[in-house]
C-alpha atoms as a PDB file:
ATOM      1  CA  MET A   1      30.184  27.156 -36.835  1.00  0.00           C
ATOM      2  CA  SER A   2      27.257  27.503 -34.313  1.00  0.00           C
ATOM      3  CA  PRO A   3      26.290  30.986 -33.318  1.00  0.00           C
ATOM      4  CA  SER A   4      27.138  32.316 -29.943  1.00  0.00           C
ATOM      5  CA  LYS A   5      24.106  33.873 -28.044  1.00  0.00           C
ATOM      6  CA  SER A   6      24.288  35.994 -25.173  1.00  0.00           C
ATOM      7  CA  ILE A   7      21.858  37.970 -23.076  1.00  0.00           C
ATOM      8  CA  ASP A   8      23.011  40.786 -21.087  1.00  0.00           C
ATOM      9  CA  SER A   9      21.288  40.137 -17.724  1.00  0.00           C
ATOM     10  CA  LYS A  10      22.102  43.376 -15.992  1.00  0.00           C
ATOM     11  CA  SER A  11      19.623  46.176 -16.712  1.00  0.00           C
ATOM     12  CA  VAL A  12      20.981  49.490 -17.272  1.00  0.00           C
ATOM     13  CA  SER A  13      19.124  52.592 -16.024  1.00  0.00           C
ATOM     14  CA  MET A  14      16.689  54.095 -18.496  1.00  0.00           C
ATOM     15  CA  MET A  15      18.437  57.572 -18.450  1.00  0.00           C
ATOM     16  CA  ASN A  16      21.754  55.944 -19.187  1.00  0.00           C
ATOM     17  CA  ALA A  17      20.388  53.793 -21.948  1.00  0.00           C
ATOM     18  CA  LEU A  18      18.928  56.808 -23.633  1.00  0.00           C
ATOM     19  CA  ARG A  19      22.065  58.858 -23.128  1.00  0.00           C
ATOM     20  CA  GLN A  20      24.534  56.083 -24.190  1.00  0.00           C
ATOM     21  CA  GLY A  21      22.663  53.850 -26.402  1.00  0.00           C
ATOM     22  CA  PHE A  22      23.234  50.164 -26.769  1.00  0.00           C
ATOM     23  CA  TRP A  23      26.579  48.669 -27.611  1.00  0.00           C
ATOM     24  CA  PHE A  24      26.902  45.029 -29.111  1.00  0.00           C
ATOM     25  CA  TYR A  25      30.246  43.235 -30.056  1.00  0.00           C
ATOM     26  CA  CYS A  26      31.321  40.440 -32.198  1.00  0.00           C
ATOM     27  CA  ASN A  27      34.898  38.964 -32.874  1.00  0.00           C
ATOM     28  CA  HIS A  28      35.152  37.278 -36.468  1.00  0.00           C
ATOM     29  CA  ASN A  29      38.164  36.165 -38.462  1.00  0.00           C
ATOM     30  CA  GLY A  30      40.381  38.298 -36.326  1.00  0.00           C
ATOM     31  CA  HIS A  31      38.195  41.330 -36.616  1.00  0.00           C
ATOM     32  CA  HIS A  32      36.549  43.112 -33.716  1.00  0.00           C
ATOM     33  CA  ILE A  33      33.016  44.430 -34.859  1.00  0.00           C
ATOM     34  CA  ALA A  34      31.118  46.713 -32.576  1.00  0.00           C
ATOM     35  CA  ALA A  35      27.621  48.020 -33.296  1.00  0.00           C
ATOM     36  CA  HIS A  36      25.969  51.022 -31.547  1.00  0.00           C
ATOM     37  CA  ALA A  37      22.300  52.001 -31.570  1.00  0.00           C
ATOM     38  CA  SER A  38      21.135  55.195 -30.189  1.00  0.00           C
ATOM     39  CA  GLY A  39      17.743  55.266 -28.388  1.00  0.00           C
ATOM     40  CA  VAL A  40      17.621  59.019 -28.721  1.00  0.00           C
ATOM     41  CA  SER A  41      18.477  59.683 -32.406  1.00  0.00           C
ATOM     42  CA  GLY A  42      17.905  56.267 -34.039  1.00  0.00           C
ATOM     43  CA  ARG A  43      21.479  56.231 -35.462  1.00  0.00           C
ATOM     44  CA  GLU A  44      23.195  53.062 -35.897  1.00  0.00           C
ATOM     45  CA  THR A  45      26.605  52.833 -36.225  1.00  0.00           C
ATOM     46  CA  ILE A  46      28.967  49.903 -37.167  1.00  0.00           C
ATOM     47  CA  TYR A  47      32.675  49.856 -36.378  1.00  0.00           C
ATOM     48  CA  VAL A  48      35.234  47.286 -37.364  1.00  0.00           C
ATOM     49  CA  ASP A  49      38.698  47.338 -35.804  1.00  0.00           C
ATOM     50  CA  ASP A  50      37.708  50.813 -34.225  1.00  0.00           C
ATOM     51  CA  THR A  51      37.096  52.204 -37.736  1.00  0.00           C
ATOM     52  CA  LYS A  52      33.475  53.344 -38.592  1.00  0.00           C
ATOM     53  CA  VAL A  53      32.387  51.434 -41.586  1.00  0.00           C
ATOM     54  CA  SER A  54      28.645  52.189 -41.683  1.00  0.00           C
ATOM     55  CA  THR A  55      26.189  54.457 -40.259  1.00  0.00           C
ATOM     56  CA  LYS A  56      22.550  55.199 -40.941  1.00  0.00           C
ATOM     57  CA  ILE A  57      19.509  56.526 -39.007  1.00  0.00           C
ATOM     58  CA  SER A  58      16.443  54.171 -38.656  1.00  0.00           C
ATOM     59  CA  TRP A  59      13.190  54.441 -36.682  1.00  0.00           C
ATOM     60  CA  ARG A  60      12.083  51.082 -37.801  1.00  0.00           C
ATOM     61  CA  PHE A  61      11.650  48.154 -35.568  1.00  0.00           C
ATOM     62  CA  VAL A  62      14.009  45.928 -37.923  1.00  0.00           C
ATOM     63  CA  SER A  63      16.814  47.321 -39.683  1.00  0.00           C
ATOM     64  CA  SER A  64      20.312  46.136 -41.158  1.00  0.00           C
ATOM     65  CA  GLN A  65      23.585  47.376 -42.628  1.00  0.00           C
ATOM     66  CA  GLU A  66      25.951  45.579 -44.822  1.00  0.00           C
ATOM     67  CA  PHE A  67      29.476  45.883 -45.466  1.00  0.00           C
ATOM     68  CA  ASN A  68      32.344  43.684 -46.948  1.00  0.00           C
ATOM     69  CA  ILE A  69      35.773  42.999 -45.107  1.00  0.00           C
ATOM     70  CA  ASP A  70      38.463  40.812 -46.574  1.00  0.00           C
ATOM     71  CA  GLY A  71      35.978  39.333 -49.029  1.00  0.00           C
ATOM     72  CA  VAL A  72      33.428  38.380 -46.369  1.00  0.00           C
ATOM     73  CA  GLN A  73      29.962  40.085 -46.692  1.00  0.00           C
ATOM     74  CA  TYR A  74      28.801  41.107 -43.130  1.00  0.00           C
ATOM     75  CA  ARG A  75      25.282  42.009 -42.083  1.00  0.00           C
ATOM     76  CA  VAL A  76      24.286  43.412 -38.715  1.00  0.00           C
ATOM     77  CA  GLU A  77      20.704  43.460 -37.880  1.00  0.00           C
ATOM     78  CA  PHE A  78      19.001  45.468 -35.142  1.00  0.00           C
ATOM     79  CA  HIS A  79      15.504  44.207 -34.066  1.00  0.00           C
ATOM     80  CA  VAL A  80      13.440  46.028 -31.434  1.00  0.00           C
ATOM     81  CA  THR A  81      11.509  43.173 -29.799  1.00  0.00           C
ATOM     82  CA  SER A  82       9.945  44.990 -26.983  1.00  0.00           C
ATOM     83  CA  ILE A  83       9.142  48.718 -27.030  1.00  0.00           C
ATOM     84  CA  TRP A  84       8.007  48.577 -23.453  1.00  0.00           C
ATOM     85  CA  GLN A  85      11.048  47.047 -22.085  1.00  0.00           C
ATOM     86  CA  GLY A  86      13.395  48.833 -24.478  1.00  0.00           C
ATOM     87  CA  ARG A  87      14.489  45.412 -25.622  1.00  0.00           C
ATOM     88  CA  ILE A  88      16.574  45.212 -28.714  1.00  0.00           C
ATOM     89  CA  VAL A  89      18.355  42.225 -30.240  1.00  0.00           C
ATOM     90  CA  CYS A  90      21.436  42.748 -32.468  1.00  0.00           C
ATOM     91  CA  ARG A  91      22.598  39.885 -34.819  1.00  0.00           C
ATOM     92  CA  PHE A  92      25.839  39.538 -36.862  1.00  0.00           C
ATOM     93  CA  TYR A  93      26.002  37.550 -39.848  1.00  0.00           C
ATOM     94  CA  ALA A  94      28.982  36.572 -42.067  1.00  0.00           C
ATOM     95  CA  ASP A  95      28.010  35.527 -45.512  1.00  0.00           C
ATOM     96  CA  ASP A  96      24.345  34.986 -44.392  1.00  0.00           C
ATOM     97  CA  VAL A  97      25.354  32.753 -41.453  1.00  0.00           C
ATOM     98  CA  LEU A  98      24.501  33.961 -37.961  1.00  0.00           C
ATOM     99  CA  ILE A  99      27.699  34.232 -35.958  1.00  0.00           C
ATOM    100  CA  GLU A 100      26.517  36.402 -32.911  1.00  0.00           C
ATOM    101  CA  GLU A 101      23.227  37.126 -31.350  1.00  0.00           C
ATOM    102  CA  THR A 102      22.964  39.697 -28.242  1.00  0.00           C
ATOM    103  CA  GLU A 103      20.039  41.030 -26.535  1.00  0.00           C
ATOM    104  CA  ASN A 104      19.809  44.063 -24.266  1.00  0.00           C
ATOM    105  CA  ALA A 105      17.092  45.894 -22.357  1.00  0.00           C
ATOM    106  CA  MET A 106      16.485  49.378 -20.863  1.00  0.00           C
ATOM    107  CA  ALA A 107      14.435  47.781 -18.131  1.00  0.00           C
ATOM    108  CA  VAL A 108      14.882  49.160 -14.831  1.00  0.00           C
ATOM    109  CA  GLY A 109      15.667  46.453 -12.180  1.00  0.00           C
ATOM    110  CA  GLY A 110      14.747  43.792 -14.734  1.00  0.00           C
ATOM    111  CA  SER A 111      10.996  45.051 -14.927  1.00  0.00           C
ATOM    112  CA  LYS A 112       9.379  46.498 -17.993  1.00  0.00           C
ATOM    113  CA  LEU A 113       8.722  50.056 -18.617  1.00  0.00           C
ATOM    114  CA  SER A 114       5.641  51.019 -16.635  1.00  0.00           C
ATOM    115  CA  TRP A 115       2.833  53.044 -17.873  1.00  0.00           C
ATOM    116  CA  LYS A 116       3.597  55.697 -15.338  1.00  0.00           C
ATOM    117  CA  THR A 117       7.035  56.140 -16.793  1.00  0.00           C
ATOM    118  CA  PHE A 118       5.621  56.012 -20.375  1.00  0.00           C
ATOM    119  CA  ALA A 119       3.046  58.703 -19.478  1.00  0.00           C
ATOM    120  CA  ILE A 120       5.832  60.987 -18.063  1.00  0.00           C
ATOM    121  CA  PHE A 121       7.807  60.661 -21.139  1.00  0.00           C
ATOM    122  CA  PHE A 122       4.842  61.071 -23.279  1.00  0.00           C
ATOM    123  CA  LEU A 123       3.811  64.318 -21.386  1.00  0.00           C
ATOM    124  CA  ALA A 124       7.305  65.839 -21.493  1.00  0.00           C
ATOM    125  CA  GLY A 125       7.374  65.180 -25.428  1.00  0.00           C
ATOM    126  CA  ALA A 126       4.036  66.634 -25.770  1.00  0.00           C
ATOM    127  CA  VAL A 127       5.250  69.883 -23.848  1.00  0.00           C
ATOM    128  CA  PHE A 128       8.597  70.061 -25.788  1.00  0.00           C
ATOM    129  CA  GLY A 129       6.572  69.505 -29.079  1.00  0.00           C
ATOM    130  CA  TYR A 130       4.154  72.344 -28.198  1.00  0.00           C
ATOM    131  CA  VAL A 131       6.555  74.812 -27.079  1.00  0.00           C
ATOM    132  CA  PHE A 132       8.897  74.146 -30.130  1.00  0.00           C
ATOM    133  CA  ALA A 133       6.140  74.225 -32.730  1.00  0.00           C
ATOM    134  CA  LYS A 134       4.753  77.597 -31.079  1.00  0.00           C
ATOM    135  CA  ALA A 135       8.299  79.028 -31.411  1.00  0.00           C
ATOM    136  CA  ILE A 136       8.635  77.976 -35.084  1.00  0.00           C
ATOM    137  CA  ILE A 137       5.285  79.335 -35.964  1.00  0.00           C
ATOM    138  CA  GLU A 138       5.998  82.767 -34.216  1.00  0.00           C
ATOM    139  CA  LEU A 139       9.536  82.827 -35.767  1.00  0.00           C
ATOM    140  CA  PHE A 140       8.096  82.356 -39.517  1.00  0.00           C
ATOM    141  CA  VAL A 141       4.361  83.582 -39.157  1.00  0.00           C
ATOM    142  CA  GLY A 142       4.755  86.219 -36.329  1.00  0.00           C
ATOM    143  CA  ALA A 143       2.775  86.736 -33.214  1.00  0.00           C
END
């Protein structure tokens, strides 16, 4: 069986992608497999026939989860291929044979994440981190 490969050509808005994460789907041996990757928390969750079978948090560029259904060993791999475009590839394997590969991107209008946008996110993160750290220090150490 040759693997099915699809690329989601429509770009989603950055805020929607961050809020909703990425969804990937595969049908195999009568089972509907869905994989979700959150861009905010790093949580990756695998569902088979609408039942959660695996979840973990990973901030790696490549991660995988394995599970067994009806004697078939499945593996779902997430691979961040471009941090600037928010591009992630999801591969579904059954008994180590690739059965589906899908790629999604968080690009706006098909373009990559600009330095300006990155700088805004970086500064917002720095401000949030500073305020949070200061509050924690004041809470435990005092003013």
